[in-house]
PDB file of N, CA and C in Angstrom:
ATOM      1  N   MET A   1      47.684  79.422  78.670  1.00  0.00           N
ATOM      2  CA  MET A   1      48.263  80.618  78.101  1.00  0.00           C
ATOM      3  C   MET A   1      48.696  81.552  79.233  1.00  0.00           C
ATOM      4  N   ILE A   2      49.885  82.035  79.173  1.00  0.00           N
ATOM      5  CA  ILE A   2      50.407  82.948  80.177  1.00  0.00           C
ATOM      6  C   ILE A   2      50.128  84.381  79.738  1.00  0.00           C
ATOM      7  N   SER A   3      49.553  85.146  80.648  1.00  0.00           N
ATOM      8  CA  SER A   3      49.218  86.530  80.348  1.00  0.00           C
ATOM      9  C   SER A   3      50.395  87.440  80.690  1.00  0.00           C
ATOM     10  N   LYS A   4      50.579  88.491  79.902  1.00  0.00           N
ATOM     11  CA  LYS A   4      51.617  89.470  80.218  1.00  0.00           C
ATOM     12  C   LYS A   4      51.119  90.467  81.252  1.00  0.00           C
ATOM     13  N   TYR A   5      49.831  90.396  81.582  1.00  0.00           N
ATOM     14  CA  TYR A   5      49.241  91.310  82.553  1.00  0.00           C
ATOM     15  C   TYR A   5      49.171  90.659  83.927  1.00  0.00           C
ATOM     16  N   LYS A   6      49.324  91.460  84.969  1.00  0.00           N
ATOM     17  CA  LYS A   6      49.321  90.941  86.325  1.00  0.00           C
ATOM     18  C   LYS A   6      47.932  90.977  86.957  1.00  0.00           C
ATOM     19  N   TYR A   7      47.094  91.936  86.545  1.00  0.00           N
ATOM     20  CA  TYR A   7      45.788  92.116  87.172  1.00  0.00           C
ATOM     21  C   TYR A   7      44.666  91.965  86.153  1.00  0.00           C
ATOM     22  N   GLY A   8      43.509  91.546  86.654  1.00  0.00           N
ATOM     23  CA  GLY A   8      42.359  91.395  85.775  1.00  0.00           C
ATOM     24  C   GLY A   8      41.078  91.758  86.500  1.00  0.00           C
ATOM     25  N   VAL A   9      40.022  91.905  85.716  1.00  0.00           N
ATOM     26  CA  VAL A   9      38.693  92.180  86.247  1.00  0.00           C
ATOM     27  C   VAL A   9      37.825  90.968  85.937  1.00  0.00           C
ATOM     28  N   ILE A  10      37.170  90.442  86.975  1.00  0.00           N
ATOM     29  CA  ILE A  10      36.261  89.311  86.803  1.00  0.00           C
ATOM     30  C   ILE A  10      34.914  89.658  87.406  1.00  0.00           C
ATOM     31  N   GLY A  11      33.891  88.952  86.966  1.00  0.00           N
ATOM     32  CA  GLY A  11      32.557  89.119  87.531  1.00  0.00           C
ATOM     33  C   GLY A  11      32.216  87.925  88.399  1.00  0.00           C
ATOM     34  N   CYS A  12      31.569  88.172  89.515  1.00  0.00           N
ATOM     35  CA  CYS A  12      31.146  87.098  90.402  1.00  0.00           C
ATOM     36  C   CYS A  12      29.997  86.337  89.742  1.00  0.00           C
ATOM     37  N   THR A  13      30.076  85.026  89.755  1.00  0.00           N
ATOM     38  CA  THR A  13      29.036  84.209  89.138  1.00  0.00           C
ATOM     39  C   THR A  13      27.769  84.147  89.991  1.00  0.00           C
ATOM     40  N   ALA A  14      27.852  84.556  91.240  1.00  0.00           N
ATOM     41  CA  ALA A  14      26.685  84.531  92.115  1.00  0.00           C
ATOM     42  C   ALA A  14      25.931  85.856  92.129  1.00  0.00           C
ATOM     43  N   CYS A  15      26.647  86.969  92.342  1.00  0.00           N
ATOM     44  CA  CYS A  15      25.970  88.268  92.509  1.00  0.00           C
ATOM     45  C   CYS A  15      26.180  89.223  91.334  1.00  0.00           C
ATOM     46  N   ARG A  16      27.039  88.848  90.380  1.00  0.00           N
ATOM     47  CA  ARG A  16      27.295  89.626  89.160  1.00  0.00           C
ATOM     48  C   ARG A  16      28.068  90.928  89.371  1.00  0.00           C
ATOM     49  N   GLN A  17      28.576  91.181  90.550  1.00  0.00           N
ATOM     50  CA  GLN A  17      29.433  92.347  90.759  1.00  0.00           C
ATOM     51  C   GLN A  17      30.820  92.006  90.233  1.00  0.00           C
ATOM     52  N   VAL A  18      31.580  93.027  89.847  1.00  0.00           N
ATOM     53  CA  VAL A  18      32.930  92.782  89.353  1.00  0.00           C
ATOM     54  C   VAL A  18      33.959  93.220  90.387  1.00  0.00           C
ATOM     55  N   LYS A  19      35.126  92.625  90.282  1.00  0.00           N
ATOM     56  CA  LYS A  19      36.216  92.974  91.194  1.00  0.00           C
ATOM     57  C   LYS A  19      37.540  92.794  90.479  1.00  0.00           C
ATOM     58  N   GLY A  20      38.548  93.482  90.977  1.00  0.00           N
ATOM     59  CA  GLY A  20      39.892  93.339  90.462  1.00  0.00           C
ATOM     60  C   GLY A  20      40.603  92.208  91.172  1.00  0.00           C
ATOM     61  N   VAL A  21      41.409  91.469  90.433  1.00  0.00           N
ATOM     62  CA  VAL A  21      42.135  90.345  91.012  1.00  0.00           C
ATOM     63  C   VAL A  21      43.570  90.322  90.513  1.00  0.00           C
ATOM     64  N   ASN A  22      44.432  89.709  91.301  1.00  0.00           N
ATOM     65  CA  ASN A  22      45.790  89.407  90.877  1.00  0.00           C
ATOM     66  C   ASN A  22      45.697  88.093  90.110  1.00  0.00           C
ATOM     67  N   LEU A  23      46.049  88.103  88.847  1.00  0.00           N
ATOM     68  CA  LEU A  23      45.896  86.920  88.008  1.00  0.00           C
ATOM     69  C   LEU A  23      46.837  85.785  88.385  1.00  0.00           C
ATOM     70  N   ASP A  24      47.812  86.038  89.250  1.00  0.00           N
ATOM     71  CA  ASP A  24      48.709  84.989  89.723  1.00  0.00           C
ATOM     72  C   ASP A  24      48.063  84.135  90.820  1.00  0.00           C
ATOM     73  N   ASN A  25      47.021  84.648  91.455  1.00  0.00           N
ATOM     74  CA  ASN A  25      46.339  83.911  92.524  1.00  0.00           C
ATOM     75  C   ASN A  25      45.468  82.810  91.941  1.00  0.00           C
ATOM     76  N   MET A  26      45.189  81.793  92.748  1.00  0.00           N
ATOM     77  CA  MET A  26      44.329  80.691  92.325  1.00  0.00           C
ATOM     78  C   MET A  26      42.856  81.007  92.563  1.00  0.00           C
ATOM     79  N   THR A  27      42.562  81.624  93.721  1.00  0.00           N
ATOM     80  CA  THR A  27      41.180  81.921  94.079  1.00  0.00           C
ATOM     81  C   THR A  27      41.068  83.333  94.635  1.00  0.00           C
ATOM     82  N   THR A  28      39.831  83.801  94.711  1.00  0.00           N
ATOM     83  CA  THR A  28      39.534  85.085  95.318  1.00  0.00           C
ATOM     84  C   THR A  28      38.143  84.998  95.913  1.00  0.00           C
ATOM     85  N   LYS A  29      37.864  85.829  96.891  1.00  0.00           N
ATOM     86  CA  LYS A  29      36.542  85.850  97.511  1.00  0.00           C
ATOM     87  C   LYS A  29      35.826  87.123  97.104  1.00  0.00           C
ATOM     88  N   CYS A  30      34.572  86.994  96.694  1.00  0.00           N
ATOM     89  CA  CYS A  30      33.781  88.151  96.317  1.00  0.00           C
ATOM     90  C   CYS A  30      33.512  88.993  97.565  1.00  0.00           C
ATOM     91  N   PRO A  31      33.831  90.284  97.517  1.00  0.00           N
ATOM     92  CA  PRO A  31      33.614  91.140  98.684  1.00  0.00           C
ATOM     93  C   PRO A  31      32.136  91.484  98.891  1.00  0.00           C
ATOM     94  N   TYR A  32      31.308  91.189  97.910  1.00  0.00           N
ATOM     95  CA  TYR A  32      29.888  91.542  97.995  1.00  0.00           C
ATOM     96  C   TYR A  32      29.040  90.397  98.569  1.00  0.00           C
ATOM     97  N   CYS A  33      29.293  89.163  98.107  1.00  0.00           N
ATOM     98  CA  CYS A  33      28.458  88.041  98.566  1.00  0.00           C
ATOM     99  C   CYS A  33      29.235  86.948  99.285  1.00  0.00           C
ATOM    100  N   GLY A  34      30.578  87.007  99.236  1.00  0.00           N
ATOM    101  CA  GLY A  34      31.394  86.039  99.955  1.00  0.00           C
ATOM    102  C   GLY A  34      31.724  84.758  99.200  1.00  0.00           C
ATOM    103  N   LYS A  35      31.245  84.611  97.974  1.00  0.00           N
ATOM    104  CA  LYS A  35      31.513  83.403  97.203  1.00  0.00           C
ATOM    105  C   LYS A  35      33.000  83.328  96.852  1.00  0.00           C
ATOM    106  N   THR A  36      33.579  82.133  96.970  1.00  0.00           N
ATOM    107  CA  THR A  36      34.954  81.896  96.555  1.00  0.00           C
ATOM    108  C   THR A  36      34.961  81.553  95.076  1.00  0.00           C
ATOM    109  N   LEU A  37      35.801  82.249  94.324  1.00  0.00           N
ATOM    110  CA  LEU A  37      35.873  82.076  92.873  1.00  0.00           C
ATOM    111  C   LEU A  37      37.248  81.564  92.474  1.00  0.00           C
ATOM    112  N   LYS A  38      37.281  80.578  91.596  1.00  0.00           N
ATOM    113  CA  LYS A  38      38.531  80.097  91.019  1.00  0.00           C
ATOM    114  C   LYS A  38      38.849  80.998  89.835  1.00  0.00           C
ATOM    115  N   ILE A  39      39.919  81.757  89.945  1.00  0.00           N
ATOM    116  CA  ILE A  39      40.241  82.779  88.949  1.00  0.00           C
ATOM    117  C   ILE A  39      40.412  82.193  87.548  1.00  0.00           C
ATOM    118  N   LYS A  40      41.066  81.065  87.431  1.00  0.00           N
ATOM    119  CA  LYS A  40      41.329  80.473  86.107  1.00  0.00           C
ATOM    120  C   LYS A  40      40.050  80.018  85.411  1.00  0.00           C
ATOM    121  N   GLU A  41      38.953  79.845  86.159  1.00  0.00           N
ATOM    122  CA  GLU A  41      37.676  79.428  85.572  1.00  0.00           C
ATOM    123  C   GLU A  41      36.779  80.612  85.207  1.00  0.00           C
ATOM    124  N   GLN A  42      37.217  81.821  85.531  1.00  0.00           N
ATOM    125  CA  GLN A  42      36.405  83.013  85.295  1.00  0.00           C
ATOM    126  C   GLN A  42      36.748  83.653  83.966  1.00  0.00           C
ATOM    127  N   ARG A  43      35.773  84.315  83.392  1.00  0.00           N
ATOM    128  CA  ARG A  43      36.007  85.120  82.188  1.00  0.00           C
ATOM    129  C   ARG A  43      36.688  86.412  82.625  1.00  0.00           C
ATOM    130  N   ILE A  44      37.831  86.703  82.054  1.00  0.00           N
ATOM    131  CA  ILE A  44      38.567  87.923  82.373  1.00  0.00           C
ATOM    132  C   ILE A  44      37.997  89.039  81.493  1.00  0.00           C
ATOM    133  N   LEU A  45      37.398  90.039  82.132  1.00  0.00           N
ATOM    134  CA  LEU A  45      36.753  91.130  81.401  1.00  0.00           C
ATOM    135  C   LEU A  45      37.742  92.193  80.942  1.00  0.00           C
ATOM    136  N   TYR A  46      38.847  92.318  81.674  1.00  0.00           N
ATOM    137  CA  TYR A  46      39.833  93.353  81.367  1.00  0.00           C
ATOM    138  C   TYR A  46      41.139  92.959  82.026  1.00  0.00           C
ATOM    139  N   GLU A  47      42.259  93.240  81.393  1.00  0.00           N
ATOM    140  CA  GLU A  47      43.576  92.950  81.962  1.00  0.00           C
ATOM    141  C   GLU A  47      44.452  94.193  81.909  1.00  0.00           C
ATOM    142  N   THR A  48      45.284  94.349  82.936  1.00  0.00           N
ATOM    143  CA  THR A  48      46.194  95.489  83.004  1.00  0.00           C
ATOM    144  C   THR A  48      47.371  95.143  83.912  1.00  0.00           C
ATOM    145  N   SER A  49      48.401  95.940  83.837  1.00  0.00           N
ATOM    146  CA  SER A  49      49.543  95.816  84.751  1.00  0.00           C
ATOM    147  C   SER A  49      49.563  96.957  85.762  1.00  0.00           C
ATOM    148  N   ASN A  50      48.575  97.839  85.696  1.00  0.00           N
ATOM    149  CA  ASN A  50      48.537  99.046  86.506  1.00  0.00           C
ATOM    150  C   ASN A  50      47.388  98.981  87.510  1.00  0.00           C
ATOM    151  N   THR A  51      47.691  99.067  88.798  1.00  0.00           N
ATOM    152  CA  THR A  51      46.646  98.962  89.823  1.00  0.00           C
ATOM    153  C   THR A  51      45.686 100.142  89.814  1.00  0.00           C
ATOM    154  N   GLN A  52      46.170 101.327  89.474  1.00  0.00           N
ATOM    155  CA  GLN A  52      45.278 102.488  89.418  1.00  0.00           C
ATOM    156  C   GLN A  52      44.271 102.343  88.279  1.00  0.00           C
ATOM    157  N   GLU A  53      44.732 101.867  87.152  1.00  0.00           N
ATOM    158  CA  GLU A  53      43.830 101.620  86.030  1.00  0.00           C
ATOM    159  C   GLU A  53      42.809 100.539  86.400  1.00  0.00           C
ATOM    160  N   LEU A  54      43.270  99.508  87.095  1.00  0.00           N
ATOM    161  CA  LEU A  54      42.382  98.428  87.536  1.00  0.00           C
ATOM    162  C   LEU A  54      41.248  98.972  88.400  1.00  0.00           C
ATOM    163  N   GLN A  55      41.580  99.815  89.365  1.00  0.00           N
ATOM    164  CA  GLN A  55      40.567 100.387  90.251  1.00  0.00           C
ATOM    165  C   GLN A  55      39.549 101.213  89.481  1.00  0.00           C
ATOM    166  N   LYS A  56      40.011 101.980  88.513  1.00  0.00           N
ATOM    167  CA  LYS A  56      39.106 102.813  87.717  1.00  0.00           C
ATOM    168  C   LYS A  56      38.152 101.970  86.883  1.00  0.00           C
ATOM    169  N   ILE A  57      38.668 100.912  86.283  1.00  0.00           N
ATOM    170  CA  ILE A  57      37.842 100.044  85.449  1.00  0.00           C
ATOM    171  C   ILE A  57      36.799  99.318  86.292  1.00  0.00           C
ATOM    172  N   VAL A  58      37.194  98.804  87.448  1.00  0.00           N
ATOM    173  CA  VAL A  58      36.242  98.115  88.335  1.00  0.00           C
ATOM    174  C   VAL A  58      35.124  99.074  88.745  1.00  0.00           C
ATOM    175  N   ALA A  59      35.487 100.280  89.137  1.00  0.00           N
ATOM    176  CA  ALA A  59      34.482 101.266  89.545  1.00  0.00           C
ATOM    177  C   ALA A  59      33.550 101.602  88.386  1.00  0.00           C
ATOM    178  N   ARG A  60      34.091 101.781  87.200  1.00  0.00           N
ATOM    179  CA  ARG A  60      33.281 102.129  86.025  1.00  0.00           C
ATOM    180  C   ARG A  60      32.298 101.005  85.669  1.00  0.00           C
ATOM    181  N   ILE A  61      32.772  99.773  85.675  1.00  0.00           N
ATOM    182  CA  ILE A  61      31.894  98.649  85.335  1.00  0.00           C
ATOM    183  C   ILE A  61      30.804  98.482  86.391  1.00  0.00           C
ATOM    184  N   ASN A  62      31.161  98.548  87.668  1.00  0.00           N
ATOM    185  CA  ASN A  62      30.153  98.407  88.716  1.00  0.00           C
ATOM    186  C   ASN A  62      29.128  99.543  88.655  1.00  0.00           C
ATOM    187  N   GLU A  63      29.566 100.731  88.311  1.00  0.00           N
ATOM    188  CA  GLU A  63      28.647 101.865  88.165  1.00  0.00           C
ATOM    189  C   GLU A  63      27.657 101.601  87.025  1.00  0.00           C
ATOM    190  N   GLN A  64      28.158 101.086  85.921  1.00  0.00           N
ATOM    191  CA  GLN A  64      27.288 100.772  84.786  1.00  0.00           C
ATOM    192  C   GLN A  64      26.292  99.676  85.143  1.00  0.00           C
ATOM    193  N   LEU A  65      26.735  98.694  85.917  1.00  0.00           N
ATOM    194  CA  LEU A  65      25.841  97.608  86.334  1.00  0.00           C
ATOM    195  C   LEU A  65      24.726  98.120  87.239  1.00  0.00           C
ATOM    196  N   GLN A  66      25.027  99.111  88.067  1.00  0.00           N
ATOM    197  CA  GLN A  66      24.028  99.672  88.968  1.00  0.00           C
ATOM    198  C   GLN A  66      22.923 100.403  88.206  1.00  0.00           C
ATOM    199  N   LYS A  67      23.246 100.923  87.042  1.00  0.00           N
ATOM    200  CA  LYS A  67      22.268 101.674  86.234  1.00  0.00           C
ATOM    201  C   LYS A  67      21.281 100.760  85.524  1.00  0.00           C
ATOM    202  N   LYS A  68      21.637  99.485  85.384  1.00  0.00           N
ATOM    203  CA  LYS A  68      20.760  98.540  84.653  1.00  0.00           C
ATOM    204  C   LYS A  68      19.608  98.077  85.487  1.00  0.00           C
TER     205      LYS A  68
END
């Protein structure tokens, strides 16, 4: 399925932190633990076409995770 959105939010399967990604890329590296993630195999938590919105959502989700 082709998404109309360019960016997404995924969670790292190793450290559980979330990050924003370009959905056109094949892989990304987690900035927290260094694990390489295959984007197409990840659950997309949020999608957007706006980079500013992406940054806000990533920050909000990571903040919520820190409170748990």
